[in-house]
Amino acid sequence: MAKRRNIPHRTHSSVEMSTIYIHWPFCRSKCYYCDFNSVPCPQFIDYSKWLASYTKILQKYTEQYYQGDPITSIYFGGGTPSLLPNWFITSILEEIDNAFQLAPNLEITLEANPKTIDKIKAMNLKKSGINRLSIGVQSIIDADLKMLGRIHSAREAKECIFEISEIFDNLSIDMIYNRPGQNLRNWEEELNEVLKYPIKHISLYELIVEQNTRLKAMIDSGVLPSPSSSAAFFEKTIEIARNQGFEMYEVSNFAKDKCYGQHNISYWKYEDYYGIGAGAHSRCTLTGRKIAIAQISDNNEWLRWALETNNPAFNEEILSEDNEFKERLIMGLRSKFGIKIDVISKHIKAKYGLKNKLKKLQENSYIINKGSDVVLTDNGIMKLNLIIRYLTEECL
């Protein structure tokens, strides 16, 4: 990356940190369970046009929304951003470096499919400025990888992890549990093996069968069985991870030696984030109000909008006090950091009867009060959705 420059702080909002998300929408092929904004790679990609589009949207953020907060994390997601050429990644990071104030301990993560990265690619990514990799493994059982529509094999995933761990200390992998036909014993054996790999972070996601996916069609047609009840899987997942020295610091994320993923922590703490790319979302704070920004999801339309419009207009929504409260609650209660009660207005506290509700939750050992922070206990985590529903019911 280019040499970082310091940007003077402008009129400051209450948000102290911010992050940037770069969405690359292309994959080798679409996984059967995926409903993200991603498509198989076209025959030709005009990278210069994409880079110019990203640059223009980055500039728009700095001109209209960015308040000078230090950027603590940059995240390349998708899609499969490990398909990007290195010069492209370097160029984006230089653009960000020139326009934003970067924190000294900046985390720069890139998602990778095991089939699209090797030792040489990893070394080049590190030279470009990437200091954390997130590898989409999902399973180490070949039959299940095929069922999920993954392009890699179990052997390729294992080899990738061990090879890349020699280059990146900060390495995370993704796994999916409660897959069709999977039982607890299979999952226990699989997870115990994976947690012995040279990784410091793992994201463990329950399979959600989304509408309009190939997996949904396969289940509906009877080709695959429906996933079983996930409560037992979730409890077993937490137990195994803790036994292997991994701390659950969020419902789906586990870390060893406090090697947390800083990017998602920013989401859970409800800090500002700037999304760039087709279908990307953002949350920005201006004059004390949270603004939700959504971008066009169609790739070609997004390119035309970003490049051909003199001043491309975002689809903006100033969140109501109620919606901001609900988002803050939904995000914060997922993690060990919880929510800060003192940032919630007296009006909202009264409207939702928070004082009495939190007292009842504490009496039933569902929450812990840590100063102004409210954090769920293990019992609370097991009833996360019910607790969120309870806290967001109006009392006035």
Protein backbone atom coordinates (compact mmCIF):
# COMPACT_ATOMS: atom_id res chain seq x y z
CA MET A 1 0.00 0.00 0.00
CA ALA A 2 1.01 3.58 -0.47
CA LYS A 3 2.28 5.58 2.47
CA ARG A 4 -0.59 6.47 4.77
CA ARG A 5 -1.44 10.09 5.22
CA ASN A 6 -3.28 11.61 8.14
CA ILE A 7 -6.60 13.29 7.41
CA PRO A 8 -7.66 15.99 9.88
CA HIS A 9 -10.84 15.15 11.76
CA ARG A 10 -13.87 17.09 10.63
CA THR A 11 -16.96 17.75 12.73
CA HIS A 12 -17.17 14.45 14.49
CA SER A 13 -20.15 12.18 15.02
CA SER A 14 -20.59 9.87 18.00
CA VAL A 15 -19.11 7.02 15.95
CA GLU A 16 -15.44 6.50 16.68
CA MET A 17 -14.43 3.87 14.15
CA SER A 18 -15.50 2.88 10.65
CA THR A 19 -14.93 0.03 8.19
CA ILE A 20 -15.01 -0.46 4.42
CA TYR A 21 -16.51 -3.42 2.58
CA ILE A 22 -15.59 -4.12 -1.06
CA HIS A 23 -18.00 -6.48 -2.83
CA TRP A 24 -16.70 -8.54 -5.77
CA PRO A 25 -19.75 -10.29 -7.26
CA PHE A 26 -18.13 -13.01 -9.39
CA CYS A 27 -17.47 -16.69 -8.62
CA ARG A 28 -16.29 -19.68 -10.63
CA SER A 29 -19.78 -21.10 -10.13
CA LYS A 30 -22.79 -20.47 -7.90
CA CYS A 31 -22.98 -22.64 -4.78
CA TYR A 32 -26.29 -24.41 -4.38
CA TYR A 33 -27.11 -22.83 -1.00
CA CYS A 34 -26.00 -19.29 -1.82
CA ASP A 35 -28.43 -16.37 -2.10
CA PHE A 36 -25.75 -13.67 -1.92
CA ASN A 37 -25.39 -11.14 -4.69
CA SER A 38 -22.98 -13.24 -6.75
CA VAL A 39 -22.94 -14.75 -10.24
CA PRO A 40 -20.61 -17.01 -12.24
CA CYS A 41 -17.76 -15.16 -13.94
CA PRO A 42 -18.59 -13.79 -17.39
CA GLN A 43 -16.28 -14.63 -20.29
CA PHE A 44 -14.71 -11.16 -20.14
CA ILE A 45 -14.38 -8.75 -17.22
CA ASP A 46 -13.30 -5.18 -17.84
CA TYR A 47 -11.29 -4.72 -14.64
CA SER A 48 -10.40 -1.11 -15.45
CA LYS A 49 -14.11 -0.25 -15.61
CA TRP A 50 -14.77 -1.96 -12.28
CA LEU A 51 -11.82 -0.22 -10.65
CA ALA A 52 -12.99 3.16 -11.92
CA SER A 53 -16.46 2.44 -10.52
CA TYR A 54 -15.17 1.48 -7.09
CA THR A 55 -12.97 4.56 -7.04
CA LYS A 56 -15.86 6.85 -7.89
CA ILE A 57 -18.07 5.44 -5.13
CA LEU A 58 -15.23 5.66 -2.61
CA GLN A 59 -14.85 9.32 -3.52
CA LYS A 60 -18.58 9.88 -3.06
CA TYR A 61 -18.37 8.51 0.47
CA THR A 62 -15.45 10.78 1.37
CA GLU A 63 -17.17 13.85 -0.09
CA GLN A 64 -20.62 13.36 1.43
CA TYR A 65 -20.51 10.99 4.40
CA TYR A 66 -17.08 10.26 5.80
CA GLN A 67 -16.44 12.11 9.07
CA GLY A 68 -12.73 11.40 9.46
CA ASP A 69 -13.11 8.37 11.71
CA PRO A 70 -10.16 5.94 11.60
CA ILE A 71 -10.80 2.98 9.31
CA THR A 72 -10.08 -0.14 11.38
CA SER A 73 -10.94 -2.77 8.79
CA ILE A 74 -11.17 -3.29 5.03
CA TYR A 75 -12.95 -6.43 3.87
CA PHE A 76 -12.99 -7.92 0.36
CA GLY A 77 -16.06 -10.16 0.15
CA GLY A 78 -18.23 -11.65 -2.51
CA GLY A 79 -18.47 -13.63 -4.60
CA THR A 80 -14.90 -14.83 -4.69
CA PRO A 81 -12.47 -11.90 -4.41
CA SER A 82 -9.50 -14.29 -4.47
CA LEU A 83 -10.17 -14.40 -8.23
CA LEU A 84 -9.13 -10.74 -8.47
CA PRO A 85 -5.71 -9.90 -9.96
CA ASN A 86 -3.25 -8.51 -7.44
CA TRP A 87 -2.81 -5.18 -9.22
CA PHE A 88 -6.54 -4.58 -8.81
CA ILE A 89 -6.44 -5.19 -5.05
CA THR A 90 -3.35 -3.00 -4.68
CA SER A 91 -5.01 -0.21 -6.64
CA ILE A 92 -8.15 -0.22 -4.48
CA LEU A 93 -6.10 -0.19 -1.28
CA GLU A 94 -4.11 2.76 -2.58
CA GLU A 95 -7.33 4.64 -3.38
CA ILE A 96 -8.59 3.99 0.16
CA ASP A 97 -5.25 5.00 1.62
CA ASN A 98 -5.39 8.31 -0.24
CA ALA A 99 -8.94 9.14 0.80
CA PHE A 100 -9.42 7.83 4.35
CA GLN A 101 -7.63 7.96 7.67
CA LEU A 102 -6.38 4.45 8.43
CA ALA A 103 -5.92 3.03 11.91
CA PRO A 104 -2.40 1.81 12.77
CA ASN A 105 -3.66 -1.73 13.42
CA LEU A 106 -5.74 -1.85 10.24
CA GLU A 107 -7.10 -5.32 9.44
CA ILE A 108 -7.43 -6.11 5.72
CA THR A 109 -9.30 -9.34 5.02
CA LEU A 110 -9.93 -11.14 1.76
CA GLU A 111 -12.28 -14.09 1.25
CA ALA A 112 -10.89 -17.03 -0.69
CA ASN A 113 -12.09 -20.31 -2.12
CA PRO A 114 -9.53 -23.10 -1.63
CA LYS A 115 -9.62 -23.77 -5.37
CA THR A 116 -8.62 -20.21 -6.24
CA ILE A 117 -5.59 -19.65 -4.04
CA ASP A 118 -2.19 -21.25 -3.63
CA LYS A 119 1.05 -20.37 -1.87
CA ILE A 120 2.25 -17.98 -4.60
CA LYS A 121 -1.10 -16.21 -4.77
CA ALA A 122 -1.12 -15.90 -0.96
CA MET A 123 2.38 -14.38 -0.91
CA ASN A 124 1.34 -11.84 -3.55
CA LEU A 125 -1.79 -10.96 -1.60
CA LYS A 126 0.33 -10.33 1.47
CA LYS A 127 2.60 -8.03 -0.55
CA SER A 128 -0.50 -6.12 -1.70
CA GLY A 129 -1.44 -5.38 1.91
CA ILE A 130 -3.84 -8.20 2.80
CA ASN A 131 -3.09 -9.36 6.36
CA ARG A 132 -6.00 -11.72 7.01
CA LEU A 133 -7.54 -14.46 4.89
CA SER A 134 -10.96 -16.04 5.29
CA ILE A 135 -11.16 -19.39 3.51
CA GLY A 136 -14.54 -20.82 2.58
CA VAL A 137 -14.13 -24.50 3.46
CA GLN A 138 -17.75 -25.29 4.50
CA SER A 139 -17.05 -29.03 4.88
CA ILE A 140 -14.21 -31.55 4.76
CA ILE A 141 -16.49 -34.33 3.48
CA ASP A 142 -16.42 -34.70 -0.29
CA ALA A 143 -20.01 -35.89 -0.63
CA ASP A 144 -21.26 -32.87 1.31
CA LEU A 145 -19.09 -30.46 -0.68
CA LYS A 146 -20.67 -31.84 -3.85
CA MET A 147 -24.14 -31.52 -2.32
CA LEU A 148 -23.42 -27.85 -1.48
CA GLY A 149 -22.11 -27.16 -4.98
CA ARG A 150 -18.57 -26.32 -3.87
CA ILE A 151 -15.83 -26.46 -6.50
CA HIS A 152 -13.08 -27.77 -4.21
CA SER A 153 -12.45 -31.17 -2.65
CA ALA A 154 -11.79 -31.95 1.01
CA ARG A 155 -8.14 -32.70 0.20
CA GLU A 156 -7.74 -29.37 -1.59
CA ALA A 157 -9.25 -27.53 1.38
CA LYS A 158 -6.90 -29.19 3.88
CA GLU A 159 -3.83 -28.60 1.71
CA CYS A 160 -4.85 -24.98 1.24
CA ILE A 161 -5.19 -24.35 4.98
CA PHE A 162 -1.80 -25.85 5.83
CA GLU A 163 -0.04 -24.09 2.95
CA ILE A 164 -1.58 -20.68 3.58
CA SER A 165 -0.98 -20.89 7.34
CA GLU A 166 2.77 -20.73 6.59
CA ILE A 167 2.21 -17.27 5.10
CA PHE A 168 -0.70 -15.82 7.08
CA ASP A 169 -0.75 -15.91 10.88
CA ASN A 170 -4.25 -14.47 10.86
CA LEU A 171 -6.23 -17.18 9.12
CA SER A 172 -9.96 -17.87 9.40
CA ILE A 173 -12.12 -20.56 7.84
CA ASP A 174 -15.88 -20.91 7.34
CA MET A 175 -17.82 -24.10 8.01
CA ILE A 176 -21.51 -24.95 7.62
CA TYR A 177 -23.36 -27.32 9.95
CA ASN A 178 -26.81 -28.90 10.08
CA ARG A 179 -26.47 -29.96 6.48
CA PRO A 180 -29.09 -32.29 4.92
CA GLY A 181 -28.51 -35.81 6.20
CA GLN A 182 -25.88 -34.72 8.74
CA ASN A 183 -26.09 -36.06 12.29
CA LEU A 184 -24.48 -34.82 15.48
CA ARG A 185 -21.88 -37.57 15.61
CA ASN A 186 -20.66 -36.80 12.07
CA TRP A 187 -20.47 -33.09 12.88
CA GLU A 188 -18.62 -33.71 16.13
CA GLU A 189 -15.93 -35.76 14.34
CA GLU A 190 -15.62 -33.24 11.51
CA LEU A 191 -15.43 -30.16 13.74
CA ASN A 192 -12.94 -31.77 16.13
CA GLU A 193 -10.64 -32.44 13.19
CA VAL A 194 -10.98 -28.95 11.71
CA LEU A 195 -10.27 -27.19 15.01
CA LYS A 196 -6.87 -28.93 15.14
CA TYR A 197 -5.79 -27.22 11.91
CA PRO A 198 -3.41 -24.22 12.12
CA ILE A 199 -6.15 -21.59 12.40
CA LYS A 200 -6.94 -18.95 15.01
CA HIS A 201 -10.47 -18.14 13.92
CA ILE A 202 -13.45 -20.06 12.63
CA SER A 203 -16.94 -19.02 11.54
CA LEU A 204 -19.49 -21.78 12.10
CA TYR A 205 -22.78 -21.13 10.36
CA GLU A 206 -26.01 -23.05 10.58
CA LEU A 207 -27.22 -23.93 7.08
CA ILE A 208 -30.15 -21.73 6.14
CA VAL A 209 -32.15 -23.09 3.21
CA GLU A 210 -32.91 -19.90 1.31
CA GLN A 211 -35.67 -19.40 -1.22
CA ASN A 212 -34.74 -19.40 -4.92
CA THR A 213 -31.61 -21.50 -4.42
CA ARG A 214 -30.78 -24.82 -6.03
CA LEU A 215 -30.51 -26.42 -2.59
CA LYS A 216 -34.09 -25.37 -1.80
CA ALA A 217 -35.30 -26.95 -5.05
CA MET A 218 -33.41 -30.17 -4.28
CA ILE A 219 -35.02 -30.40 -0.84
CA ASP A 220 -38.50 -29.54 -2.12
CA SER A 221 -38.26 -32.21 -4.83
CA GLY A 222 -37.18 -34.86 -2.31
CA VAL A 223 -33.65 -35.25 -3.73
CA LEU A 224 -32.29 -34.16 -0.33
CA PRO A 225 -33.80 -34.42 3.16
CA SER A 226 -34.63 -31.25 5.09
CA PRO A 227 -32.08 -30.22 7.74
CA SER A 228 -32.97 -31.36 11.25
CA SER A 229 -33.65 -29.19 14.28
CA SER A 230 -30.56 -27.04 14.83
CA ALA A 231 -30.71 -26.45 18.61
CA ALA A 232 -28.71 -29.60 19.41
CA PHE A 233 -26.19 -28.78 16.67
CA PHE A 234 -25.68 -25.27 18.07
CA GLU A 235 -25.14 -26.52 21.62
CA LYS A 236 -22.71 -29.21 20.46
CA THR A 237 -20.83 -26.69 18.31
CA ILE A 238 -20.24 -24.39 21.28
CA GLU A 239 -19.16 -27.29 23.48
CA ILE A 240 -16.65 -28.68 20.96
CA ALA A 241 -15.17 -25.28 20.13
CA ARG A 242 -14.63 -24.39 23.79
CA ASN A 243 -13.08 -27.76 24.50
CA GLN A 244 -10.59 -27.05 21.71
CA GLY A 245 -9.67 -23.64 23.14
CA PHE A 246 -11.89 -21.45 20.93
CA GLU A 247 -13.92 -18.68 22.54
CA MET A 248 -17.40 -17.96 21.18
CA TYR A 249 -17.39 -14.18 20.90
CA GLU A 250 -20.44 -14.06 18.62
CA VAL A 251 -23.20 -16.53 17.78
CA SER A 252 -21.34 -17.85 14.72
CA ASN A 253 -17.74 -16.81 15.38
CA PHE A 254 -15.04 -18.42 17.50
CA ALA A 255 -11.48 -17.32 18.13
CA LYS A 256 -8.35 -18.68 19.76
CA ASP A 257 -6.07 -16.32 21.71
CA LYS A 258 -8.56 -13.47 21.21
CA CYS A 259 -7.83 -13.39 17.48
CA TYR A 260 -11.20 -11.79 16.74
CA GLY A 261 -12.31 -10.66 13.30
CA GLN A 262 -12.31 -6.86 13.62
CA HIS A 263 -14.56 -6.22 10.65
CA ASN A 264 -17.62 -7.99 11.98
CA ILE A 265 -17.02 -6.63 15.47
CA SER A 266 -17.58 -3.19 13.96
CA TYR A 267 -20.96 -4.37 12.62
CA TRP A 268 -21.98 -5.78 15.99
CA LYS A 269 -20.96 -2.58 17.74
CA TYR A 270 -23.08 -0.69 15.21
CA GLU A 271 -20.23 1.45 13.97
CA ASP A 272 -20.31 3.07 10.55
CA TYR A 273 -19.42 0.99 7.51
CA TYR A 274 -19.08 1.94 3.87
CA GLY A 275 -20.10 -0.71 1.35
CA ILE A 276 -18.82 -0.45 -2.21
CA GLY A 277 -20.11 -2.63 -5.04
CA ALA A 278 -23.29 -3.99 -6.61
CA GLY A 279 -25.85 -4.70 -3.89
CA ALA A 280 -23.62 -3.35 -1.11
CA HIS A 281 -25.20 -1.76 1.97
CA SER A 282 -23.87 0.92 4.32
CA ARG A 283 -24.64 2.61 7.60
CA CYS A 284 -23.35 6.16 7.99
CA THR A 285 -23.86 8.66 10.80
CA LEU A 286 -24.47 12.32 9.99
CA THR A 287 -25.63 14.96 12.47
CA GLY A 288 -26.37 12.23 14.97
CA ARG A 289 -28.69 10.24 12.67
CA LYS A 290 -28.01 6.83 11.16
CA ILE A 291 -28.43 6.66 7.39
CA ALA A 292 -29.02 3.35 5.59
CA ILE A 293 -27.62 3.23 2.06
CA ALA A 294 -28.34 0.53 -0.52
CA GLN A 295 -26.75 0.24 -3.95
CA ILE A 296 -28.14 -1.28 -7.15
CA SER A 297 -27.72 -5.07 -7.09
CA ASP A 298 -27.57 -5.78 -10.83
CA ASN A 299 -23.92 -5.71 -11.90
CA ASN A 300 -24.37 -4.06 -15.29
CA GLU A 301 -26.82 -1.50 -13.97
CA TRP A 302 -24.47 -0.75 -11.06
CA LEU A 303 -21.56 -0.16 -13.44
CA ARG A 304 -23.62 2.21 -15.58
CA TRP A 305 -24.91 4.01 -12.47
CA ALA A 306 -21.42 4.39 -10.98
CA LEU A 307 -19.59 5.37 -14.16
CA GLU A 308 -22.02 7.19 -16.40
CA THR A 309 -23.85 9.26 -13.80
CA ASN A 310 -22.18 12.57 -13.05
CA ASN A 311 -23.09 12.36 -9.37
CA PRO A 312 -24.59 8.92 -8.70
CA ALA A 313 -27.33 9.19 -6.08
CA PHE A 314 -27.51 6.59 -3.31
CA ASN A 315 -30.79 5.06 -2.24
CA GLU A 316 -30.83 6.64 1.23
CA GLU A 317 -33.05 6.17 4.23
CA ILE A 318 -32.68 8.11 7.46
CA LEU A 319 -33.47 5.48 10.04
CA SER A 320 -36.14 6.26 12.58
CA GLU A 321 -35.15 6.20 16.22
CA ASP A 322 -37.12 2.95 16.56
CA ASN A 323 -35.43 1.23 13.64
CA GLU A 324 -31.99 2.32 14.78
CA PHE A 325 -32.73 0.91 18.25
CA LYS A 326 -33.89 -2.41 16.76
CA GLU A 327 -30.84 -2.70 14.52
CA ARG A 328 -28.52 -1.87 17.40
CA LEU A 329 -30.22 -4.54 19.50
CA ILE A 330 -30.23 -7.23 16.81
CA MET A 331 -26.55 -6.71 16.03
CA GLY A 332 -25.22 -6.12 19.53
CA LEU A 333 -26.85 -8.99 21.39
CA ARG A 334 -25.24 -11.49 19.02
CA SER A 335 -21.80 -10.82 20.45
CA LYS A 336 -19.94 -10.86 23.76
CA PHE A 337 -19.72 -7.07 23.54
CA GLY A 338 -23.48 -6.68 23.92
CA ILE A 339 -25.29 -3.35 23.67
CA LYS A 340 -24.63 -0.03 25.39
CA ILE A 341 -27.76 1.06 27.19
CA ASP A 342 -26.54 4.62 27.76
CA VAL A 343 -26.63 5.43 24.00
CA ILE A 344 -30.36 4.60 23.84
CA SER A 345 -32.64 7.59 24.40
CA LYS A 346 -34.93 7.88 27.41
CA HIS A 347 -37.90 8.00 25.04
CA ILE A 348 -37.02 4.63 23.47
CA LYS A 349 -36.25 3.06 26.84
CA ALA A 350 -39.68 4.08 28.07
CA LYS A 351 -41.46 3.14 24.85
CA TYR A 352 -40.15 -0.43 24.95
CA GLY A 353 -40.12 -0.78 28.73
CA LEU A 354 -36.45 -1.65 28.74
CA LYS A 355 -35.82 -1.08 32.43
CA ASN A 356 -38.35 -3.69 33.59
CA LYS A 357 -37.63 -6.09 30.74
CA LEU A 358 -33.90 -6.10 31.36
CA LYS A 359 -34.50 -6.60 35.07
CA LYS A 360 -36.63 -9.69 34.35
CA LEU A 361 -34.06 -11.07 31.92
CA GLN A 362 -31.34 -10.62 34.52
CA GLU A 363 -33.42 -12.31 37.21
CA ASN A 364 -33.85 -15.30 34.88
CA SER A 365 -30.09 -15.43 34.12
CA TYR A 366 -30.48 -14.47 30.46
CA ILE A 367 -28.37 -11.31 30.63
CA ILE A 368 -25.51 -9.79 32.59
CA ASN A 369 -25.15 -6.07 33.22
CA LYS A 370 -21.55 -4.92 32.82
CA GLY A 371 -21.68 -1.25 33.66
CA SER A 372 -23.65 0.33 30.82
CA ASP A 373 -23.28 -2.83 28.69
CA VAL A 374 -25.88 -5.59 28.52
CA VAL A 375 -24.55 -9.00 27.44
CA LEU A 376 -26.38 -12.28 26.96
CA THR A 377 -25.41 -15.30 29.05
CA ASP A 378 -25.14 -18.76 27.48
CA ASN A 379 -28.79 -19.31 28.40
CA GLY A 380 -29.65 -16.03 26.70
CA ILE A 381 -27.73 -16.90 23.55
CA MET A 382 -29.82 -20.07 23.23
CA LYS A 383 -32.95 -17.90 23.22
CA LEU A 384 -31.52 -15.00 21.22
CA ASN A 385 -34.42 -14.56 18.80
CA LEU A 386 -37.04 -14.76 21.54
CA ILE A 387 -35.20 -12.19 23.64
CA ILE A 388 -34.88 -9.78 20.70
CA ARG A 389 -38.60 -10.15 19.99
CA TYR A 390 -39.37 -9.53 23.66
CA LEU A 391 -37.21 -6.40 23.87
CA THR A 392 -38.58 -4.90 20.64
CA GLU A 393 -42.25 -5.14 21.62
CA GLU A 394 -43.65 -1.71 22.36
CA CYS A 395 -45.09 -1.03 25.78
CA LEU A 396 -46.56 2.44 25.17
